[in-house]
Amino acid sequence: ILEYQFGLNWSRLSVQAGDILGPLMFYEVLAAF
């Protein structure tokens, strides 16, 4: 649900800062999950 609402409400943050936040979240999924 958290992922859903983040994509729905905060897409401009994803566009502007995605090049930094995206890899960090990817490492969280890859290494930890």
ModelCIF file with pLDDT and N, C-alpha, C, O atoms, coordinates in Angstrom:
data_MODEL
#
_entry.id   MODEL 
#
_entity.id                         1 
_entity.type                       polymer 
_entity.pdbx_number_of_molecules   1 
#
_entity_poly.entity_id                      1 
_entity_poly.type                           'polypeptide(L)' 
_entity_poly.nstd_linkage                   no 
_entity_poly.nstd_monomer                   no 
_entity_poly.pdbx_seq_one_letter_code       ILEYQFGLNWSRLSVQAGDILGPLMFYEVLAAF 
_entity_poly.pdbx_seq_one_letter_code_can   ILEYQFGLNWSRLSVQAGDILGPLMFYEVLAAF 
_entity_poly.pdbx_strand_id                 A 
#
loop_
_entity_poly_seq.entity_id 
_entity_poly_seq.num 
_entity_poly_seq.mon_id 
_entity_poly_seq.hetero 
1 1  ILE n 
1 2  LEU n 
1 3  GLU n 
1 4  TYR n 
1 5  GLN n 
1 6  PHE n 
1 7  GLY n 
1 8  LEU n 
1 9  ASN n 
1 10 TRP n 
1 11 SER n 
1 12 ARG n 
1 13 LEU n 
1 14 SER n 
1 15 VAL n 
1 16 GLN n 
1 17 ALA n 
1 18 GLY n 
1 19 ASP n 
1 20 ILE n 
1 21 LEU n 
1 22 GLY n 
1 23 PRO n 
1 24 LEU n 
1 25 MET n 
1 26 PHE n 
1 27 TYR n 
1 28 GLU n 
1 29 VAL n 
1 30 LEU n 
1 31 ALA n 
1 32 ALA n 
1 33 PHE n 
#
_struct_asym.id          A 
_struct_asym.entity_id   1 
#
loop_
_ma_qa_metric.id 
_ma_qa_metric.mode 
_ma_qa_metric.name 
_ma_qa_metric.software_group_id 
_ma_qa_metric.type 
1 global pLDDT . pLDDT 
2 local  pLDDT . pLDDT 
#
_ma_qa_metric_global.metric_id      1 
_ma_qa_metric_global.metric_value   81.76 
_ma_qa_metric_global.model_id       1 
_ma_qa_metric_global.ordinal_id     1 
#
loop_
_ma_qa_metric_local.label_asym_id 
_ma_qa_metric_local.label_comp_id 
_ma_qa_metric_local.label_seq_id 
_ma_qa_metric_local.metric_id 
_ma_qa_metric_local.metric_value 
_ma_qa_metric_local.model_id 
_ma_qa_metric_local.ordinal_id 
A ILE 1  2 78.00 1 1  
A LEU 2  2 77.00 1 2  
A GLU 3  2 75.00 1 3  
A TYR 4  2 77.00 1 4  
A GLN 5  2 77.00 1 5  
A PHE 6  2 76.00 1 6  
A GLY 7  2 75.00 1 7  
A LEU 8  2 80.00 1 8  
A ASN 9  2 84.00 1 9  
A TRP 10 2 86.00 1 10 
A SER 11 2 84.00 1 11 
A ARG 12 2 88.00 1 12 
A LEU 13 2 87.00 1 13 
A SER 14 2 85.00 1 14 
A VAL 15 2 87.00 1 15 
A GLN 16 2 90.00 1 16 
A ALA 17 2 89.00 1 17 
A GLY 18 2 87.00 1 18 
A ASP 19 2 90.00 1 19 
A ILE 20 2 91.00 1 20 
A LEU 21 2 89.00 1 21 
A GLY 22 2 87.00 1 22 
A PRO 23 2 87.00 1 23 
A LEU 24 2 88.00 1 24 
A MET 25 2 84.00 1 25 
A PHE 26 2 82.00 1 26 
A TYR 27 2 81.00 1 27 
A GLU 28 2 80.00 1 28 
A VAL 29 2 76.00 1 29 
A LEU 30 2 76.00 1 30 
A ALA 31 2 68.00 1 31 
A ALA 32 2 69.00 1 32 
A PHE 33 2 68.00 1 33 
#
loop_
_atom_site.group_PDB 
_atom_site.id 
_atom_site.type_symbol 
_atom_site.label_atom_id 
_atom_site.label_alt_id 
_atom_site.label_comp_id 
_atom_site.label_asym_id 
_atom_site.label_entity_id 
_atom_site.label_seq_id 
_atom_site.pdbx_PDB_ins_code 
_atom_site.Cartn_x 
_atom_site.Cartn_y 
_atom_site.Cartn_z 
_atom_site.occupancy 
_atom_site.B_iso_or_equiv 
_atom_site.pdbx_formal_charge 
_atom_site.auth_seq_id 
_atom_site.auth_comp_id 
_atom_site.auth_asym_id 
_atom_site.auth_atom_id 
_atom_site.pdbx_PDB_model_num 
ATOM 1   N N  . ILE A 1 1  ? 0.836  -1.199  0.000   1.00 78.00 ? 1  ILE A N  1 
ATOM 2   C CA . ILE A 1 1  ? 0.000  0.000   0.000   1.00 78.00 ? 1  ILE A CA 1 
ATOM 3   C C  . ILE A 1 1  ? 0.873  1.252   0.000   1.00 78.00 ? 1  ILE A C  1 
ATOM 4   O O  . ILE A 1 1  ? 0.559  2.238   -0.667  1.00 78.00 ? 1  ILE A O  1 
ATOM 5   N N  . LEU A 1 2  ? 1.960  1.205   0.745   1.00 77.00 ? 2  LEU A N  1 
ATOM 6   C CA . LEU A 1 2  ? 2.867  2.350   0.799   1.00 77.00 ? 2  LEU A CA 1 
ATOM 7   C C  . LEU A 1 2  ? 3.442  2.643   -0.578  1.00 77.00 ? 2  LEU A C  1 
ATOM 8   O O  . LEU A 1 2  ? 3.533  3.804   -0.976  1.00 77.00 ? 2  LEU A O  1 
ATOM 9   N N  . GLU A 1 3  ? 3.829  1.608   -1.307  1.00 75.00 ? 3  GLU A N  1 
ATOM 10  C CA . GLU A 1 3  ? 4.347  1.791   -2.661  1.00 75.00 ? 3  GLU A CA 1 
ATOM 11  C C  . GLU A 1 3  ? 3.276  2.385   -3.574  1.00 75.00 ? 3  GLU A C  1 
ATOM 12  O O  . GLU A 1 3  ? 3.574  3.251   -4.396  1.00 75.00 ? 3  GLU A O  1 
ATOM 13  N N  . TYR A 1 4  ? 2.061  1.934   -3.438  1.00 77.00 ? 4  TYR A N  1 
ATOM 14  C CA . TYR A 1 4  ? 0.964  2.419   -4.278  1.00 77.00 ? 4  TYR A CA 1 
ATOM 15  C C  . TYR A 1 4  ? 0.734  3.907   -4.073  1.00 77.00 ? 4  TYR A C  1 
ATOM 16  O O  . TYR A 1 4  ? 0.675  4.663   -5.042  1.00 77.00 ? 4  TYR A O  1 
ATOM 17  N N  . GLN A 1 5  ? 0.603  4.337   -2.820  1.00 77.00 ? 5  GLN A N  1 
ATOM 18  C CA . GLN A 1 5  ? 0.300  5.743   -2.584  1.00 77.00 ? 5  GLN A CA 1 
ATOM 19  C C  . GLN A 1 5  ? 1.486  6.634   -2.925  1.00 77.00 ? 5  GLN A C  1 
ATOM 20  O O  . GLN A 1 5  ? 1.300  7.799   -3.278  1.00 77.00 ? 5  GLN A O  1 
ATOM 21  N N  . PHE A 1 6  ? 2.704  6.103   -2.823  1.00 76.00 ? 6  PHE A N  1 
ATOM 22  C CA . PHE A 1 6  ? 3.871  6.906   -3.195  1.00 76.00 ? 6  PHE A CA 1 
ATOM 23  C C  . PHE A 1 6  ? 3.851  7.205   -4.687  1.00 76.00 ? 6  PHE A C  1 
ATOM 24  O O  . PHE A 1 6  ? 4.117  8.331   -5.108  1.00 76.00 ? 6  PHE A O  1 
ATOM 25  N N  . GLY A 1 7  ? 3.532  6.185   -5.487  1.00 75.00 ? 7  GLY A N  1 
ATOM 26  C CA . GLY A 1 7  ? 3.458  6.398   -6.928  1.00 75.00 ? 7  GLY A CA 1 
ATOM 27  C C  . GLY A 1 7  ? 2.299  7.277   -7.343  1.00 75.00 ? 7  GLY A C  1 
ATOM 28  O O  . GLY A 1 7  ? 2.396  8.025   -8.316  1.00 75.00 ? 7  GLY A O  1 
ATOM 29  N N  . LEU A 1 8  ? 1.193  7.189   -6.602  1.00 80.00 ? 8  LEU A N  1 
ATOM 30  C CA . LEU A 1 8  ? 0.008  7.980   -6.936  1.00 80.00 ? 8  LEU A CA 1 
ATOM 31  C C  . LEU A 1 8  ? 0.201  9.456   -6.607  1.00 80.00 ? 8  LEU A C  1 
ATOM 32  O O  . LEU A 1 8  ? -0.145 10.318  -7.415  1.00 80.00 ? 8  LEU A O  1 
ATOM 33  N N  . ASN A 1 9  ? 0.746  9.756   -5.434  1.00 84.00 ? 9  ASN A N  1 
ATOM 34  C CA . ASN A 1 9  ? 0.747  11.130  -4.926  1.00 84.00 ? 9  ASN A CA 1 
ATOM 35  C C  . ASN A 1 9  ? 2.053  11.889  -5.100  1.00 84.00 ? 9  ASN A C  1 
ATOM 36  O O  . ASN A 1 9  ? 2.050  13.119  -5.076  1.00 84.00 ? 9  ASN A O  1 
ATOM 37  N N  . TRP A 1 10 ? 3.169  11.191  -5.273  1.00 86.00 ? 10 TRP A N  1 
ATOM 38  C CA . TRP A 1 10 ? 4.461  11.881  -5.223  1.00 86.00 ? 10 TRP A CA 1 
ATOM 39  C C  . TRP A 1 10 ? 5.313  11.578  -6.452  1.00 86.00 ? 10 TRP A C  1 
ATOM 40  O O  . TRP A 1 10 ? 6.521  11.368  -6.343  1.00 86.00 ? 10 TRP A O  1 
ATOM 41  N N  . SER A 1 11 ? 4.681  11.556  -7.607  1.00 84.00 ? 11 SER A N  1 
ATOM 42  C CA . SER A 1 11 ? 5.388  11.202  -8.844  1.00 84.00 ? 11 SER A CA 1 
ATOM 43  C C  . SER A 1 11 ? 6.435  12.254  -9.227  1.00 84.00 ? 11 SER A C  1 
ATOM 44  O O  . SER A 1 11 ? 7.455  11.920  -9.830  1.00 84.00 ? 11 SER A O  1 
ATOM 45  N N  . ARG A 1 12 ? 6.189  13.511  -8.885  1.00 88.00 ? 12 ARG A N  1 
ATOM 46  C CA . ARG A 1 12 ? 7.164  14.549  -9.231  1.00 88.00 ? 12 ARG A CA 1 
ATOM 47  C C  . ARG A 1 12 ? 8.464  14.372  -8.450  1.00 88.00 ? 12 ARG A C  1 
ATOM 48  O O  . ARG A 1 12 ? 9.544  14.655  -8.969  1.00 88.00 ? 12 ARG A O  1 
ATOM 49  N N  . LEU A 1 13 ? 8.366  13.911  -7.215  1.00 87.00 ? 13 LEU A N  1 
ATOM 50  C CA . LEU A 1 13 ? 9.573  13.600  -6.456  1.00 87.00 ? 13 LEU A CA 1 
ATOM 51  C C  . LEU A 1 13 ? 10.331 12.466  -7.137  1.00 87.00 ? 13 LEU A C  1 
ATOM 52  O O  . LEU A 1 13 ? 11.559 12.497  -7.221  1.00 87.00 ? 13 LEU A O  1 
ATOM 53  N N  . SER A 1 14 ? 9.599  11.463  -7.624  1.00 85.00 ? 14 SER A N  1 
ATOM 54  C CA . SER A 1 14 ? 10.233 10.336  -8.313  1.00 85.00 ? 14 SER A CA 1 
ATOM 55  C C  . SER A 1 14 ? 10.946 10.801  -9.581  1.00 85.00 ? 14 SER A C  1 
ATOM 56  O O  . SER A 1 14 ? 12.038 10.327  -9.895  1.00 85.00 ? 14 SER A O  1 
ATOM 57  N N  . VAL A 1 15 ? 10.319 11.737  -10.311 1.00 87.00 ? 15 VAL A N  1 
ATOM 58  C CA . VAL A 1 15 ? 10.927 12.247  -11.542 1.00 87.00 ? 15 VAL A CA 1 
ATOM 59  C C  . VAL A 1 15 ? 12.183 13.056  -11.223 1.00 87.00 ? 15 VAL A C  1 
ATOM 60  O O  . VAL A 1 15 ? 13.220 12.865  -11.857 1.00 87.00 ? 15 VAL A O  1 
ATOM 61  N N  . GLN A 1 16 ? 12.094 13.952  -10.250 1.00 90.00 ? 16 GLN A N  1 
ATOM 62  C CA . GLN A 1 16 ? 13.192 14.872  -9.967  1.00 90.00 ? 16 GLN A CA 1 
ATOM 63  C C  . GLN A 1 16 ? 14.350 14.201  -9.232  1.00 90.00 ? 16 GLN A C  1 
ATOM 64  O O  . GLN A 1 16 ? 15.513 14.503  -9.502  1.00 90.00 ? 16 GLN A O  1 
ATOM 65  N N  . ALA A 1 17 ? 14.040 13.291  -8.305  1.00 89.00 ? 17 ALA A N  1 
ATOM 66  C CA . ALA A 1 17 ? 15.096 12.678  -7.485  1.00 89.00 ? 17 ALA A CA 1 
ATOM 67  C C  . ALA A 1 17 ? 15.223 11.178  -7.719  1.00 89.00 ? 17 ALA A C  1 
ATOM 68  O O  . ALA A 1 17 ? 15.915 10.493  -6.966  1.00 89.00 ? 17 ALA A O  1 
ATOM 69  N N  . GLY A 1 18 ? 14.572 10.663  -8.742  1.00 87.00 ? 18 GLY A N  1 
ATOM 70  C CA . GLY A 1 18 ? 14.582 9.222   -8.977  1.00 87.00 ? 18 GLY A CA 1 
ATOM 71  C C  . GLY A 1 18 ? 15.952 8.642   -9.265  1.00 87.00 ? 18 GLY A C  1 
ATOM 72  O O  . GLY A 1 18 ? 16.216 7.489   -8.924  1.00 87.00 ? 18 GLY A O  1 
ATOM 73  N N  . ASP A 1 19 ? 16.835 9.423   -9.889  1.00 90.00 ? 19 ASP A N  1 
ATOM 74  C CA . ASP A 1 19 ? 18.167 8.912   -10.212 1.00 90.00 ? 19 ASP A CA 1 
ATOM 75  C C  . ASP A 1 19 ? 18.988 8.626   -8.961  1.00 90.00 ? 19 ASP A C  1 
ATOM 76  O O  . ASP A 1 19 ? 19.948 7.857   -9.008  1.00 90.00 ? 19 ASP A O  1 
ATOM 77  N N  . ILE A 1 20 ? 18.617 9.236   -7.851  1.00 91.00 ? 20 ILE A N  1 
ATOM 78  C CA . ILE A 1 20 ? 19.313 8.979   -6.590  1.00 91.00 ? 20 ILE A CA 1 
ATOM 79  C C  . ILE A 1 20 ? 18.513 8.021   -5.714  1.00 91.00 ? 20 ILE A C  1 
ATOM 80  O O  . ILE A 1 20 ? 19.060 7.043   -5.205  1.00 91.00 ? 20 ILE A O  1 
ATOM 81  N N  . LEU A 1 21 ? 17.237 8.291   -5.537  1.00 89.00 ? 21 LEU A N  1 
ATOM 82  C CA . LEU A 1 21 ? 16.425 7.460   -4.650  1.00 89.00 ? 21 LEU A CA 1 
ATOM 83  C C  . LEU A 1 21 ? 16.160 6.078   -5.239  1.00 89.00 ? 21 LEU A C  1 
ATOM 84  O O  . LEU A 1 21 ? 16.084 5.096   -4.500  1.00 89.00 ? 21 LEU A O  1 
ATOM 85  N N  . GLY A 1 22 ? 16.017 5.989   -6.570  1.00 87.00 ? 22 GLY A N  1 
ATOM 86  C CA . GLY A 1 22 ? 15.723 4.701   -7.202  1.00 87.00 ? 22 GLY A CA 1 
ATOM 87  C C  . GLY A 1 22 ? 16.762 3.641   -6.922  1.00 87.00 ? 22 GLY A C  1 
ATOM 88  O O  . GLY A 1 22 ? 16.404 2.557   -6.463  1.00 87.00 ? 22 GLY A O  1 
ATOM 89  N N  . PRO A 1 23 ? 18.062 3.906   -7.183  1.00 87.00 ? 23 PRO A N  1 
ATOM 90  C CA . PRO A 1 23 ? 19.081 2.892   -6.881  1.00 87.00 ? 23 PRO A CA 1 
ATOM 91  C C  . PRO A 1 23 ? 19.136 2.501   -5.405  1.00 87.00 ? 23 PRO A C  1 
ATOM 92  O O  . PRO A 1 23 ? 19.354 1.332   -5.087  1.00 87.00 ? 23 PRO A O  1 
ATOM 93  N N  . LEU A 1 24 ? 18.944 3.458   -4.503  1.00 88.00 ? 24 LEU A N  1 
ATOM 94  C CA . LEU A 1 24 ? 18.973 3.130   -3.082  1.00 88.00 ? 24 LEU A CA 1 
ATOM 95  C C  . LEU A 1 24 ? 17.849 2.157   -2.725  1.00 88.00 ? 24 LEU A C  1 
ATOM 96  O O  . LEU A 1 24 ? 18.055 1.210   -1.966  1.00 88.00 ? 24 LEU A O  1 
ATOM 97  N N  . MET A 1 25 ? 16.654 2.400   -3.279  1.00 84.00 ? 25 MET A N  1 
ATOM 98  C CA . MET A 1 25 ? 15.544 1.492   -3.026  1.00 84.00 ? 25 MET A CA 1 
ATOM 99  C C  . MET A 1 25 ? 15.772 0.137   -3.693  1.00 84.00 ? 25 MET A C  1 
ATOM 100 O O  . MET A 1 25 ? 15.368 -0.899  -3.165  1.00 84.00 ? 25 MET A O  1 
ATOM 101 N N  . PHE A 1 26 ? 16.426 0.153   -4.861  1.00 82.00 ? 26 PHE A N  1 
ATOM 102 C CA . PHE A 1 26 ? 16.732 -1.104  -5.550  1.00 82.00 ? 26 PHE A CA 1 
ATOM 103 C C  . PHE A 1 26 ? 17.687 -1.955  -4.720  1.00 82.00 ? 26 PHE A C  1 
ATOM 104 O O  . PHE A 1 26 ? 17.501 -3.166  -4.600  1.00 82.00 ? 26 PHE A O  1 
ATOM 105 N N  . TYR A 1 27 ? 18.710 -1.320  -4.147  1.00 81.00 ? 27 TYR A N  1 
ATOM 106 C CA . TYR A 1 27 ? 19.655 -2.063  -3.307  1.00 81.00 ? 27 TYR A CA 1 
ATOM 107 C C  . TYR A 1 27 ? 18.941 -2.655  -2.088  1.00 81.00 ? 27 TYR A C  1 
ATOM 108 O O  . TYR A 1 27 ? 19.261 -3.756  -1.640  1.00 81.00 ? 27 TYR A O  1 
ATOM 109 N N  . GLU A 1 28 ? 17.969 -1.906  -1.563  1.00 80.00 ? 28 GLU A N  1 
ATOM 110 C CA . GLU A 1 28 ? 17.209 -2.426  -0.411  1.00 80.00 ? 28 GLU A CA 1 
ATOM 111 C C  . GLU A 1 28 ? 16.492 -3.704  -0.790  1.00 80.00 ? 28 GLU A C  1 
ATOM 112 O O  . GLU A 1 28 ? 16.511 -4.673  -0.030  1.00 80.00 ? 28 GLU A O  1 
ATOM 113 N N  . VAL A 1 29 ? 15.858 -3.722  -1.960  1.00 76.00 ? 29 VAL A N  1 
ATOM 114 C CA . VAL A 1 29 ? 15.135 -4.914  -2.415  1.00 76.00 ? 29 VAL A CA 1 
ATOM 115 C C  . VAL A 1 29 ? 16.111 -6.038  -2.745  1.00 76.00 ? 29 VAL A C  1 
ATOM 116 O O  . VAL A 1 29 ? 15.913 -7.180  -2.332  1.00 76.00 ? 29 VAL A O  1 
ATOM 117 N N  . LEU A 1 30 ? 17.158 -5.713  -3.484  1.00 76.00 ? 30 LEU A N  1 
ATOM 118 C CA . LEU A 1 30 ? 18.091 -6.744  -3.955  1.00 76.00 ? 30 LEU A CA 1 
ATOM 119 C C  . LEU A 1 30 ? 18.841 -7.406  -2.809  1.00 76.00 ? 30 LEU A C  1 
ATOM 120 O O  . LEU A 1 30 ? 18.891 -8.633  -2.716  1.00 76.00 ? 30 LEU A O  1 
ATOM 121 N N  . ALA A 1 31 ? 19.426 -6.587  -1.933  1.00 68.00 ? 31 ALA A N  1 
ATOM 122 C CA . ALA A 1 31 ? 20.304 -7.127  -0.890  1.00 68.00 ? 31 ALA A CA 1 
ATOM 123 C C  . ALA A 1 31 ? 19.538 -7.633  0.315   1.00 68.00 ? 31 ALA A C  1 
ATOM 124 O O  . ALA A 1 31 ? 19.901 -8.654  0.899   1.00 68.00 ? 31 ALA A O  1 
ATOM 125 N N  . ALA A 1 32 ? 18.484 -6.931  0.694   1.00 69.00 ? 32 ALA A N  1 
ATOM 126 C CA . ALA A 1 32 ? 17.805 -7.260  1.943   1.00 69.00 ? 32 ALA A CA 1 
ATOM 127 C C  . ALA A 1 32 ? 16.611 -8.173  1.732   1.00 69.00 ? 32 ALA A C  1 
ATOM 128 O O  . ALA A 1 32 ? 16.472 -9.187  2.416   1.00 69.00 ? 32 ALA A O  1 
ATOM 129 N N  . PHE A 1 33 ? 15.744 -7.817  0.783   1.00 68.00 ? 33 PHE A N  1 
ATOM 130 C CA . PHE A 1 33 ? 14.528 -8.607  0.630   1.00 68.00 ? 33 PHE A CA 1 
ATOM 131 C C  . PHE A 1 33 ? 14.846 -10.048 0.262   1.00 68.00 ? 33 PHE A C  1 
ATOM 132 O O  . PHE A 1 33 ? 13.935 -10.858 0.094   1.00 68.00 ? 33 PHE A O  1 
#
